Amino acid sequence: MPRINLLPWRDEQRKERQVQFLIALGGATLTAILLAFLGYLMFSSMIDSQQRRNDRLRAEIKSLDKQIEEINSLETSKQNFIARMEIIEKLQRSRPEIVHVFDEIVKTLPDGTYLTGVKQTDQKFRFDGVAQSATRVSAFMRNIDASEHLKNPELQVVAADGNTGGSSFTVFADEVASGGEPAAAPAAPGRPTTLKNGGVRRGVVP
């Protein structure tokens, strides 16, 4: 029986399998690298797209913030305009009232009393004057309390006046609004109204 040497054929088959394995391994490696590169491109594209959306959202948010600031500014301007309109309306309504107040001041002065000064700050009046006696000062305060345009008289000072022989006094009173209650002070600064000596006079001090 003849002997056949199969070692060279097996060596060749082993080498062929090694080559096929290396080829398969190289193909798998290339495929993995290709898939990884494609995945990188896909995720990079997704990230860029999301970044563009984020930039657009930030731009829209900035635009909305600007519009909100403009709306708030308009609202503030509207409130300021309404406040100015209310002040103007109050001043327009108070124009005839001051005439009635000064007319009422003359009516409330009893005989033997005259004023040396009248000052108004907001809705508060200050009356400086000279009376023949302290009794006439009391009468002046009673007349103020009974007045339709003046209320809440407060006596600050009563002192003997050596020059005239009478009593000098200082009385404070509140202006009454048209509704019958003391008027609230307006938002705008009060207007001082002052009459110098001899501005309002009733009666004669001997």
N, C-alpha and C. Protein backbone atom coordinates (compact mmCIF):
# COMPACT_ATOMS: atom_id res chain seq x y z
N MET A 1 0.87 -1.21 0.00
CA MET A 1 0.00 0.00 0.00
C MET A 1 0.89 1.23 0.00
N PRO A 2 0.67 2.10 -0.98
CA PRO A 2 1.53 3.27 -1.10
C PRO A 2 1.19 4.32 -0.03
N ARG A 3 2.16 5.06 0.44
CA ARG A 3 1.96 6.12 1.44
C ARG A 3 1.86 7.50 0.73
N ILE A 4 0.83 8.30 1.15
CA ILE A 4 0.62 9.61 0.55
C ILE A 4 0.89 10.66 1.62
N ASN A 5 1.73 11.61 1.33
CA ASN A 5 2.07 12.69 2.27
C ASN A 5 1.08 13.84 2.09
N LEU A 6 0.21 14.06 3.12
CA LEU A 6 -0.84 15.10 3.05
C LEU A 6 -0.42 16.39 3.74
N LEU A 7 0.78 16.48 4.30
CA LEU A 7 1.19 17.67 5.04
C LEU A 7 1.22 18.93 4.18
N PRO A 8 1.76 18.88 2.96
CA PRO A 8 1.75 20.12 2.17
C PRO A 8 0.33 20.62 1.87
N TRP A 9 -0.58 19.71 1.61
CA TRP A 9 -1.97 20.11 1.29
C TRP A 9 -2.62 20.74 2.51
N ARG A 10 -2.35 20.18 3.72
CA ARG A 10 -2.92 20.73 4.94
C ARG A 10 -2.31 22.10 5.24
N ASP A 11 -1.01 22.20 4.99
CA ASP A 11 -0.40 23.53 5.20
C ASP A 11 -1.01 24.58 4.29
N GLU A 12 -1.24 24.21 3.07
CA GLU A 12 -1.84 25.16 2.12
C GLU A 12 -3.28 25.51 2.55
N GLN A 13 -4.02 24.49 3.00
CA GLN A 13 -5.40 24.74 3.44
C GLN A 13 -5.42 25.66 4.66
N ARG A 14 -4.45 25.43 5.59
CA ARG A 14 -4.36 26.27 6.78
C ARG A 14 -4.02 27.70 6.39
N LYS A 15 -3.07 27.88 5.48
CA LYS A 15 -2.71 29.23 5.04
C LYS A 15 -3.89 29.92 4.35
N GLU A 16 -4.64 29.10 3.57
CA GLU A 16 -5.81 29.69 2.87
C GLU A 16 -6.86 30.14 3.86
N ARG A 17 -7.06 29.36 4.92
CA ARG A 17 -8.04 29.75 5.94
C ARG A 17 -7.57 30.99 6.68
N GLN A 18 -6.26 31.06 6.96
CA GLN A 18 -5.74 32.26 7.63
C GLN A 18 -5.95 33.51 6.78
N VAL A 19 -5.71 33.34 5.46
CA VAL A 19 -5.93 34.48 4.56
C VAL A 19 -7.39 34.89 4.56
N GLN A 20 -8.28 33.92 4.50
CA GLN A 20 -9.72 34.22 4.50
C GLN A 20 -10.14 34.89 5.81
N PHE A 21 -9.53 34.41 6.91
CA PHE A 21 -9.84 35.01 8.21
C PHE A 21 -9.38 36.47 8.28
N LEU A 22 -8.16 36.67 7.79
CA LEU A 22 -7.64 38.04 7.77
C LEU A 22 -8.48 38.95 6.89
N ILE A 23 -8.90 38.40 5.72
CA ILE A 23 -9.75 39.19 4.83
C ILE A 23 -11.07 39.52 5.52
N ALA A 24 -11.67 38.50 6.17
CA ALA A 24 -12.94 38.74 6.87
C ALA A 24 -12.76 39.74 8.01
N LEU A 25 -11.63 39.59 8.75
CA LEU A 25 -11.37 40.53 9.84
C LEU A 25 -11.17 41.94 9.31
N GLY A 26 -10.41 42.05 8.19
CA GLY A 26 -10.23 43.39 7.62
C GLY A 26 -11.54 43.97 7.13
N GLY A 27 -12.38 43.13 6.51
CA GLY A 27 -13.69 43.62 6.06
C GLY A 27 -14.57 44.06 7.21
N ALA A 28 -14.55 43.26 8.30
CA ALA A 28 -15.34 43.63 9.48
C ALA A 28 -14.84 44.94 10.08
N THR A 29 -13.49 45.08 10.12
CA THR A 29 -12.92 46.31 10.66
C THR A 29 -13.30 47.52 9.81
N LEU A 30 -13.18 47.36 8.49
CA LEU A 30 -13.56 48.46 7.60
C LEU A 30 -15.04 48.80 7.74
N THR A 31 -15.87 47.70 7.85
CA THR A 31 -17.31 47.95 8.01
C THR A 31 -17.60 48.70 9.31
N ALA A 32 -16.91 48.30 10.40
CA ALA A 32 -17.11 48.98 11.69
C ALA A 32 -16.67 50.43 11.61
N ILE A 33 -15.50 50.66 10.98
CA ILE A 33 -15.03 52.05 10.84
C ILE A 33 -16.00 52.87 10.00
N LEU A 34 -16.51 52.26 8.93
CA LEU A 34 -17.47 52.96 8.07
C LEU A 34 -18.75 53.28 8.83
N LEU A 35 -19.25 52.28 9.60
CA LEU A 35 -20.47 52.52 10.38
C LEU A 35 -20.24 53.60 11.45
N ALA A 36 -19.04 53.54 12.08
CA ALA A 36 -18.74 54.57 13.08
C ALA A 36 -18.68 55.95 12.45
N PHE A 37 -18.08 56.06 11.27
CA PHE A 37 -18.00 57.34 10.59
C PHE A 37 -19.38 57.84 10.19
N LEU A 38 -20.21 56.89 9.67
CA LEU A 38 -21.59 57.28 9.31
C LEU A 38 -22.37 57.72 10.56
N GLY A 39 -22.15 56.99 11.68
CA GLY A 39 -22.82 57.39 12.92
C GLY A 39 -22.36 58.77 13.39
N TYR A 40 -21.05 59.02 13.27
CA TYR A 40 -20.52 60.33 13.64
C TYR A 40 -21.13 61.43 12.79
N LEU A 41 -21.22 61.18 11.46
CA LEU A 41 -21.83 62.17 10.57
C LEU A 41 -23.29 62.41 10.92
N MET A 42 -24.01 61.32 11.24
CA MET A 42 -25.43 61.46 11.56
C MET A 42 -25.63 62.25 12.85
N PHE A 43 -24.86 61.87 13.89
CA PHE A 43 -24.99 62.59 15.16
C PHE A 43 -24.51 64.04 15.04
N SER A 44 -23.48 64.28 14.26
CA SER A 44 -23.01 65.64 14.05
C SER A 44 -24.07 66.48 13.34
N SER A 45 -24.74 65.85 12.34
CA SER A 45 -25.82 66.56 11.66
C SER A 45 -26.98 66.85 12.60
N MET A 46 -27.31 65.88 13.47
CA MET A 46 -28.39 66.08 14.43
C MET A 46 -28.03 67.19 15.42
N ILE A 47 -26.76 67.19 15.88
CA ILE A 47 -26.33 68.22 16.82
C ILE A 47 -26.38 69.59 16.17
N ASP A 48 -25.91 69.69 14.92
CA ASP A 48 -25.95 70.98 14.21
C ASP A 48 -27.38 71.45 14.02
N SER A 49 -28.28 70.50 13.69
CA SER A 49 -29.69 70.87 13.50
C SER A 49 -30.30 71.36 14.82
N GLN A 50 -29.98 70.65 15.91
CA GLN A 50 -30.50 71.07 17.21
C GLN A 50 -29.92 72.42 17.62
N GLN A 51 -28.64 72.64 17.30
CA GLN A 51 -28.01 73.91 17.61
C GLN A 51 -28.68 75.06 16.86
N ARG A 52 -29.02 74.80 15.59
CA ARG A 52 -29.72 75.83 14.81
C ARG A 52 -31.09 76.12 15.41
N ARG A 53 -31.78 75.05 15.86
CA ARG A 53 -33.09 75.25 16.50
C ARG A 53 -32.93 76.05 17.80
N ASN A 54 -31.88 75.72 18.56
CA ASN A 54 -31.65 76.46 19.82
C ASN A 54 -31.34 77.93 19.55
N ASP A 55 -30.54 78.17 18.53
CA ASP A 55 -30.24 79.56 18.18
C ASP A 55 -31.50 80.30 17.76
N ARG A 56 -32.35 79.62 17.01
CA ARG A 56 -33.60 80.26 16.58
C ARG A 56 -34.49 80.53 17.78
N LEU A 57 -34.56 79.55 18.70
CA LEU A 57 -35.38 79.75 19.90
C LEU A 57 -34.84 80.92 20.74
N ARG A 58 -33.51 81.00 20.88
CA ARG A 58 -32.94 82.11 21.64
C ARG A 58 -33.25 83.45 20.98
N ALA A 59 -33.19 83.48 19.65
CA ALA A 59 -33.52 84.72 18.95
C ALA A 59 -34.99 85.10 19.15
N GLU A 60 -35.88 84.08 19.10
CA GLU A 60 -37.31 84.36 19.31
C GLU A 60 -37.57 84.81 20.74
N ILE A 61 -36.87 84.17 21.70
CA ILE A 61 -37.05 84.57 23.10
C ILE A 61 -36.57 86.00 23.31
N LYS A 62 -35.45 86.35 22.70
CA LYS A 62 -34.94 87.72 22.82
C LYS A 62 -35.92 88.72 22.22
N SER A 63 -36.51 88.34 21.06
CA SER A 63 -37.50 89.22 20.43
C SER A 63 -38.73 89.37 21.32
N LEU A 64 -39.18 88.25 21.92
CA LEU A 64 -40.34 88.32 22.82
C LEU A 64 -40.03 89.15 24.05
N ASP A 65 -38.81 89.01 24.61
CA ASP A 65 -38.43 89.83 25.77
C ASP A 65 -38.47 91.31 25.42
N LYS A 66 -38.00 91.65 24.23
CA LYS A 66 -38.03 93.05 23.80
C LYS A 66 -39.46 93.55 23.67
N GLN A 67 -40.34 92.69 23.10
CA GLN A 67 -41.74 93.09 22.96
C GLN A 67 -42.39 93.26 24.33
N ILE A 68 -42.03 92.35 25.28
CA ILE A 68 -42.58 92.47 26.63
C ILE A 68 -42.13 93.76 27.29
N GLU A 69 -40.86 94.12 27.10
CA GLU A 69 -40.37 95.39 27.65
C GLU A 69 -41.12 96.57 27.04
N GLU A 70 -41.38 96.51 25.74
CA GLU A 70 -42.12 97.60 25.11
C GLU A 70 -43.55 97.67 25.65
N ILE A 71 -44.16 96.49 25.86
CA ILE A 71 -45.52 96.47 26.41
C ILE A 71 -45.52 97.05 27.83
N ASN A 72 -44.54 96.64 28.64
CA ASN A 72 -44.45 97.18 30.01
C ASN A 72 -44.22 98.68 29.99
N SER A 73 -43.39 99.14 29.05
CA SER A 73 -43.14 100.58 28.93
C SER A 73 -44.43 101.31 28.54
N LEU A 74 -45.18 100.72 27.60
CA LEU A 74 -46.45 101.33 27.21
C LEU A 74 -47.43 101.34 28.36
N GLU A 75 -47.44 100.25 29.14
CA GLU A 75 -48.35 100.19 30.28
C GLU A 75 -47.98 101.25 31.32
N THR A 76 -46.67 101.42 31.56
CA THR A 76 -46.24 102.46 32.49
C THR A 76 -46.62 103.85 31.98
N SER A 77 -46.41 104.08 30.68
CA SER A 77 -46.79 105.37 30.10
C SER A 77 -48.29 105.59 30.21
N LYS A 78 -49.06 104.50 30.01
CA LYS A 78 -50.51 104.61 30.12
C LYS A 78 -50.92 104.99 31.54
N GLN A 79 -50.31 104.32 32.55
CA GLN A 79 -50.64 104.64 33.93
C GLN A 79 -50.26 106.08 34.27
N ASN A 80 -49.08 106.52 33.79
CA ASN A 80 -48.67 107.90 34.04
C ASN A 80 -49.63 108.89 33.38
N PHE A 81 -50.07 108.56 32.16
CA PHE A 81 -51.00 109.44 31.47
C PHE A 81 -52.34 109.50 32.21
N ILE A 82 -52.81 108.33 32.68
CA ILE A 82 -54.07 108.31 33.44
C ILE A 82 -53.93 109.13 34.71
N ALA A 83 -52.77 108.98 35.39
CA ALA A 83 -52.56 109.74 36.63
C ALA A 83 -52.55 111.24 36.35
N ARG A 84 -51.89 111.64 35.25
CA ARG A 84 -51.88 113.07 34.90
C ARG A 84 -53.28 113.56 34.57
N MET A 85 -54.06 112.73 33.85
CA MET A 85 -55.43 113.12 33.52
C MET A 85 -56.27 113.29 34.78
N GLU A 86 -56.06 112.38 35.76
CA GLU A 86 -56.82 112.49 37.00
C GLU A 86 -56.45 113.77 37.76
N ILE A 87 -55.14 114.08 37.76
CA ILE A 87 -54.71 115.32 38.43
C ILE A 87 -55.30 116.54 37.74
N ILE A 88 -55.29 116.52 36.40
CA ILE A 88 -55.86 117.65 35.65
C ILE A 88 -57.35 117.79 35.94
N GLU A 89 -58.07 116.64 35.98
CA GLU A 89 -59.51 116.70 36.28
C GLU A 89 -59.75 117.25 37.68
N LYS A 90 -58.90 116.81 38.65
CA LYS A 90 -59.06 117.33 40.01
C LYS A 90 -58.82 118.83 40.05
N LEU A 91 -57.78 119.28 39.34
CA LEU A 91 -57.50 120.72 39.31
C LEU A 91 -58.62 121.49 38.65
N GLN A 92 -59.18 120.91 37.56
CA GLN A 92 -60.29 121.58 36.89
C GLN A 92 -61.50 121.69 37.82
N ARG A 93 -61.76 120.60 38.58
CA ARG A 93 -62.89 120.64 39.50
C ARG A 93 -62.65 121.59 40.67
N SER A 94 -61.36 121.74 41.06
CA SER A 94 -61.05 122.57 42.23
C SER A 94 -60.99 124.06 41.91
N ARG A 95 -60.96 124.41 40.61
CA ARG A 95 -60.86 125.83 40.26
C ARG A 95 -62.00 126.66 40.83
N PRO A 96 -63.26 126.26 40.67
CA PRO A 96 -64.32 127.09 41.27
C PRO A 96 -64.37 126.97 42.78
N GLU A 97 -63.82 125.86 43.33
CA GLU A 97 -63.91 125.67 44.78
C GLU A 97 -63.10 126.72 45.53
N ILE A 98 -61.94 127.10 45.00
CA ILE A 98 -61.10 128.06 45.70
C ILE A 98 -61.80 129.41 45.82
N VAL A 99 -62.61 129.74 44.78
CA VAL A 99 -63.37 131.00 44.84
C VAL A 99 -64.38 130.94 45.99
N HIS A 100 -65.07 129.78 46.09
CA HIS A 100 -66.04 129.63 47.19
C HIS A 100 -65.33 129.65 48.54
N VAL A 101 -64.13 129.08 48.60
CA VAL A 101 -63.40 129.04 49.86
C VAL A 101 -63.06 130.45 50.33
N PHE A 102 -62.53 131.27 49.42
CA PHE A 102 -62.17 132.63 49.82
C PHE A 102 -63.41 133.45 50.17
N ASP A 103 -64.49 133.19 49.47
CA ASP A 103 -65.74 133.87 49.82
C ASP A 103 -66.20 133.42 51.21
N GLU A 104 -66.00 132.12 51.49
CA GLU A 104 -66.39 131.59 52.79
C GLU A 104 -65.50 132.15 53.91
N ILE A 105 -64.21 132.39 53.59
CA ILE A 105 -63.32 132.96 54.60
C ILE A 105 -63.83 134.33 55.05
N VAL A 106 -64.27 135.13 54.10
CA VAL A 106 -64.80 136.45 54.44
C VAL A 106 -66.04 136.32 55.30
N LYS A 107 -66.89 135.33 54.98
CA LYS A 107 -68.14 135.16 55.74
C LYS A 107 -67.89 134.68 57.16
N THR A 108 -66.84 133.87 57.34
CA THR A 108 -66.58 133.31 58.67
C THR A 108 -65.91 134.30 59.62
N LEU A 109 -65.34 135.39 59.10
CA LEU A 109 -64.66 136.36 59.97
C LEU A 109 -65.69 137.16 60.77
N PRO A 110 -65.64 137.09 62.08
CA PRO A 110 -66.57 137.92 62.87
C PRO A 110 -66.11 139.38 62.89
N ASP A 111 -67.00 140.24 63.32
CA ASP A 111 -66.65 141.65 63.44
C ASP A 111 -65.52 141.81 64.45
N GLY A 112 -64.65 142.77 64.18
CA GLY A 112 -63.54 143.02 65.08
C GLY A 112 -62.39 142.05 64.87
N THR A 113 -62.35 141.43 63.70
CA THR A 113 -61.28 140.46 63.40
C THR A 113 -60.80 140.70 61.97
N TYR A 114 -59.48 140.63 61.79
CA TYR A 114 -58.98 140.70 60.42
C TYR A 114 -57.77 139.76 60.30
N LEU A 115 -57.51 139.33 59.08
CA LEU A 115 -56.44 138.39 58.80
C LEU A 115 -55.23 139.13 58.25
N THR A 116 -54.07 138.73 58.73
CA THR A 116 -52.82 139.29 58.20
C THR A 116 -52.17 138.35 57.19
N GLY A 117 -52.63 137.14 57.14
CA GLY A 117 -52.05 136.20 56.17
C GLY A 117 -52.90 134.95 56.06
N VAL A 118 -53.01 134.45 54.83
CA VAL A 118 -53.70 133.18 54.56
C VAL A 118 -52.78 132.35 53.68
N LYS A 119 -52.51 131.12 54.13
CA LYS A 119 -51.63 130.25 53.36
C LYS A 119 -52.28 128.88 53.20
N GLN A 120 -52.26 128.38 51.94
CA GLN A 120 -52.82 127.05 51.66
C GLN A 120 -51.69 126.12 51.22
N THR A 121 -51.59 124.97 51.85
CA THR A 121 -50.66 123.91 51.45
C THR A 121 -51.47 122.64 51.28
N ASP A 122 -51.55 122.14 50.03
CA ASP A 122 -52.43 121.02 49.70
C ASP A 122 -53.86 121.43 50.08
N GLN A 123 -54.51 120.71 50.99
CA GLN A 123 -55.87 121.05 51.39
C GLN A 123 -55.93 121.63 52.79
N LYS A 124 -54.79 122.13 53.27
CA LYS A 124 -54.71 122.69 54.61
C LYS A 124 -54.53 124.20 54.53
N PHE A 125 -55.36 124.92 55.27
CA PHE A 125 -55.27 126.38 55.33
C PHE A 125 -54.67 126.82 56.66
N ARG A 126 -53.88 127.87 56.59
CA ARG A 126 -53.37 128.52 57.80
C ARG A 126 -53.81 129.97 57.78
N PHE A 127 -54.48 130.39 58.85
CA PHE A 127 -54.97 131.76 58.97
C PHE A 127 -54.20 132.45 60.09
N ASP A 128 -53.51 133.52 59.74
CA ASP A 128 -52.86 134.37 60.73
C ASP A 128 -53.64 135.69 60.78
N GLY A 129 -53.97 136.13 61.99
CA GLY A 129 -54.76 137.35 62.07
C GLY A 129 -54.72 137.98 63.45
N VAL A 130 -55.52 139.04 63.60
CA VAL A 130 -55.62 139.77 64.87
C VAL A 130 -57.10 139.95 65.16
N ALA A 131 -57.48 139.65 66.40
CA ALA A 131 -58.87 139.79 66.83
C ALA A 131 -58.95 140.75 67.99
N GLN A 132 -60.12 141.31 68.16
CA GLN A 132 -60.32 142.27 69.24
C GLN A 132 -60.18 141.59 70.60
N SER A 133 -60.54 140.29 70.65
CA SER A 133 -60.44 139.53 71.89
C SER A 133 -60.38 138.05 71.54
N ALA A 134 -60.04 137.23 72.54
CA ALA A 134 -60.00 135.78 72.34
C ALA A 134 -61.39 135.23 72.03
N THR A 135 -62.44 135.93 72.52
CA THR A 135 -63.80 135.47 72.24
C THR A 135 -64.09 135.51 70.75
N ARG A 136 -63.59 136.52 70.08
CA ARG A 136 -63.82 136.61 68.63
C ARG A 136 -63.04 135.54 67.88
N VAL A 137 -61.90 135.12 68.43
CA VAL A 137 -61.17 133.99 67.82
C VAL A 137 -62.01 132.73 67.93
N SER A 138 -62.64 132.52 69.09
CA SER A 138 -63.51 131.36 69.27
C SER A 138 -64.69 131.42 68.30
N ALA A 139 -65.24 132.63 68.10
CA ALA A 139 -66.34 132.77 67.15
C ALA A 139 -65.88 132.44 65.74
N PHE A 140 -64.68 132.87 65.41
CA PHE A 140 -64.12 132.56 64.09
C PHE A 140 -64.00 131.04 63.89
N MET A 141 -63.53 130.32 64.92
CA MET A 141 -63.41 128.87 64.81
C MET A 141 -64.78 128.20 64.71
N ARG A 142 -65.78 128.72 65.44
CA ARG A 142 -67.14 128.15 65.34
C ARG A 142 -67.70 128.37 63.94
N ASN A 143 -67.44 129.53 63.37
CA ASN A 143 -67.92 129.82 62.02
C ASN A 143 -67.25 128.88 60.99
N ILE A 144 -65.96 128.61 61.20
CA ILE A 144 -65.27 127.66 60.31
C ILE A 144 -65.89 126.28 60.42
N ASP A 145 -66.17 125.84 61.64
CA ASP A 145 -66.74 124.51 61.85
C ASP A 145 -68.13 124.39 61.24
N ALA A 146 -68.86 125.50 61.17
CA ALA A 146 -70.20 125.47 60.58
C ALA A 146 -70.18 125.75 59.09
N SER A 147 -69.01 126.01 58.53
CA SER A 147 -68.91 126.37 57.12
C SER A 147 -69.10 125.14 56.23
N GLU A 148 -69.51 125.37 54.97
CA GLU A 148 -69.67 124.30 54.00
C GLU A 148 -68.36 123.97 53.29
N HIS A 149 -67.39 124.88 53.33
CA HIS A 149 -66.14 124.68 52.60
C HIS A 149 -64.92 124.55 53.50
N LEU A 150 -65.07 124.77 54.79
CA LEU A 150 -63.96 124.65 55.73
C LEU A 150 -64.41 123.83 56.93
N LYS A 151 -63.48 122.96 57.43
CA LYS A 151 -63.80 122.12 58.57
C LYS A 151 -62.55 121.95 59.43
N ASN A 152 -62.79 121.34 60.61
CA ASN A 152 -61.72 120.94 61.53
C ASN A 152 -60.79 122.11 61.90
N PRO A 153 -61.32 123.17 62.49
CA PRO A 153 -60.44 124.28 62.91
C PRO A 153 -59.55 123.86 64.08
N GLU A 154 -58.31 124.28 64.03
CA GLU A 154 -57.36 123.99 65.10
C GLU A 154 -56.63 125.29 65.46
N LEU A 155 -56.72 125.66 66.73
CA LEU A 155 -56.08 126.88 67.21
C LEU A 155 -54.63 126.57 67.57
N GLN A 156 -53.71 127.30 66.97
CA GLN A 156 -52.29 127.08 67.21
C GLN A 156 -51.71 128.08 68.21
N VAL A 157 -52.00 129.35 67.99
CA VAL A 157 -51.40 130.40 68.83
C VAL A 157 -52.44 131.47 69.10
N VAL A 158 -52.51 131.93 70.33
CA VAL A 158 -53.25 133.14 70.71
C VAL A 158 -52.35 133.94 71.63
N ALA A 159 -52.04 135.18 71.27
CA ALA A 159 -51.15 136.01 72.09
C ALA A 159 -51.61 137.45 72.00
N ALA A 160 -51.39 138.17 73.07
CA ALA A 160 -51.77 139.59 73.10
C ALA A 160 -50.86 140.37 72.16
N ASP A 161 -51.46 141.24 71.37
CA ASP A 161 -50.72 142.06 70.42
C ASP A 161 -50.64 143.48 70.97
N GLY A 162 -49.44 143.91 71.40
CA GLY A 162 -49.30 145.23 72.02
C GLY A 162 -49.47 146.36 71.03
N ASN A 163 -49.24 146.12 69.74
CA ASN A 163 -49.36 147.20 68.75
C ASN A 163 -50.80 147.57 68.50
N THR A 164 -51.69 146.58 68.44
CA THR A 164 -53.10 146.85 68.12
C THR A 164 -54.00 146.79 69.33
N GLY A 165 -53.51 146.24 70.45
CA GLY A 165 -54.35 146.09 71.62
C GLY A 165 -55.25 144.89 71.55
N GLY A 166 -55.16 144.08 70.50
CA GLY A 166 -55.98 142.89 70.37
C GLY A 166 -55.18 141.64 70.64
N SER A 167 -55.63 140.51 70.07
CA SER A 167 -54.98 139.21 70.25
C SER A 167 -54.61 138.67 68.87
N SER A 168 -53.35 138.38 68.69
CA SER A 168 -52.94 137.74 67.44
C SER A 168 -53.17 136.23 67.56
N PHE A 169 -53.51 135.60 66.44
CA PHE A 169 -53.85 134.16 66.49
C PHE A 169 -53.39 133.49 65.20
N THR A 170 -53.28 132.18 65.30
CA THR A 170 -53.01 131.32 64.14
C THR A 170 -53.96 130.14 64.22
N VAL A 171 -54.76 129.98 63.18
CA VAL A 171 -55.76 128.91 63.12
C VAL A 171 -55.53 128.09 61.85
N PHE A 172 -55.60 126.76 61.99
CA PHE A 172 -55.52 125.86 60.84
C PHE A 172 -56.90 125.27 60.57
N ALA A 173 -57.20 125.02 59.29
CA ALA A 173 -58.48 124.41 58.91
C ALA A 173 -58.29 123.60 57.64
N ASP A 174 -59.19 122.63 57.43
CA ASP A 174 -59.15 121.78 56.24
C ASP A 174 -60.18 122.24 55.23
N GLU A 175 -59.81 122.17 53.95
CA GLU A 175 -60.77 122.46 52.89
C GLU A 175 -61.69 121.25 52.71
N VAL A 176 -62.96 121.52 52.49
CA VAL A 176 -63.95 120.46 52.31
C VAL A 176 -64.22 120.26 50.83
N ALA A 177 -64.18 119.00 50.39
CA ALA A 177 -64.50 118.70 48.99
C ALA A 177 -65.99 118.88 48.75
N SER A 178 -66.36 118.77 47.48
CA SER A 178 -67.76 118.99 47.12
C SER A 178 -68.69 117.96 47.74
N GLY A 179 -68.14 116.77 48.13
CA GLY A 179 -68.98 115.73 48.72
C GLY A 179 -69.29 115.97 50.17
N GLY A 180 -68.69 116.99 50.78
CA GLY A 180 -68.98 117.28 52.17
C GLY A 180 -67.94 116.78 53.14
N GLU A 181 -66.90 116.05 52.68
CA GLU A 181 -65.84 115.57 53.54
C GLU A 181 -64.55 116.33 53.25
N PRO A 182 -63.64 116.38 54.23
CA PRO A 182 -62.35 117.05 53.97
C PRO A 182 -61.67 116.44 52.77
N ALA A 183 -61.22 117.29 51.86
CA ALA A 183 -60.65 116.81 50.60
C ALA A 183 -59.32 116.14 50.86
N ALA A 184 -59.08 115.04 50.09
CA ALA A 184 -57.79 114.34 50.19
C ALA A 184 -56.74 115.15 49.46
N ALA A 185 -55.51 115.08 49.96
CA ALA A 185 -54.42 115.82 49.34
C ALA A 185 -54.12 115.25 47.98
N PRO A 186 -53.97 116.05 46.93
CA PRO A 186 -53.68 115.54 45.59
C PRO A 186 -52.29 115.01 45.50
N ALA A 187 -52.03 114.22 44.41
CA ALA A 187 -50.72 113.63 44.20
C ALA A 187 -49.68 114.69 43.87
N ALA A 188 -50.10 115.75 43.20
CA ALA A 188 -49.16 116.81 42.83
C ALA A 188 -48.84 117.65 44.06
N PRO A 189 -47.69 118.33 44.08
CA PRO A 189 -47.36 119.19 45.22
C PRO A 189 -48.41 120.25 45.43
N GLY A 190 -48.68 120.56 46.71
CA GLY A 190 -49.71 121.53 47.02
C GLY A 190 -49.36 122.92 46.54
N ARG A 191 -50.40 123.71 46.28
CA ARG A 191 -50.15 125.07 45.81
C ARG A 191 -50.27 126.02 46.99
N PRO A 192 -49.24 126.71 47.37
CA PRO A 192 -49.36 127.67 48.47
C PRO A 192 -50.02 128.94 47.97
N THR A 193 -50.99 129.40 48.73
CA THR A 193 -51.66 130.67 48.39
C THR A 193 -51.56 131.56 49.62
N THR A 194 -50.93 132.68 49.49
CA THR A 194 -50.67 133.54 50.63
C THR A 194 -51.17 134.93 50.34
N LEU A 195 -51.88 135.47 51.32
CA LEU A 195 -52.32 136.85 51.24
C LEU A 195 -51.57 137.63 52.30
N LYS A 196 -50.96 138.73 51.93
CA LYS A 196 -50.22 139.55 52.87
C LYS A 196 -51.17 140.40 53.70
N ASN A 197 -50.58 141.23 54.54
CA ASN A 197 -51.38 142.03 55.47
C ASN A 197 -52.47 142.80 54.74
N GLY A 198 -53.66 142.76 55.34
CA GLY A 198 -54.77 143.50 54.77
C GLY A 198 -55.45 142.76 53.64
N GLY A 199 -55.08 141.50 53.39
CA GLY A 199 -55.68 140.77 52.27
C GLY A 199 -57.12 140.44 52.53
N VAL A 200 -57.47 139.99 53.77
CA VAL A 200 -58.85 139.69 54.14
C VAL A 200 -59.14 140.43 55.44
N ARG A 201 -60.21 141.19 55.47
CA ARG A 201 -60.46 142.03 56.65
C ARG A 201 -61.96 142.13 56.86
N ARG A 202 -62.35 142.04 58.11
CA ARG A 202 -63.75 142.27 58.45
C ARG A 202 -63.79 142.96 59.79
N GLY A 203 -64.48 144.05 59.87
CA GLY A 203 -64.57 144.79 61.11
C GLY A 203 -63.34 145.66 61.35
N VAL A 204 -63.31 146.40 62.38
CA VAL A 204 -62.21 147.31 62.68
C VAL A 204 -61.81 147.08 64.11
N VAL A 205 -60.50 146.94 64.32
CA VAL A 205 -59.98 146.83 65.69
C VAL A 205 -59.71 148.22 66.21
N PRO A 206 -60.33 148.60 67.29
CA PRO A 206 -60.14 149.98 67.80
C PRO A 206 -58.73 150.16 68.33
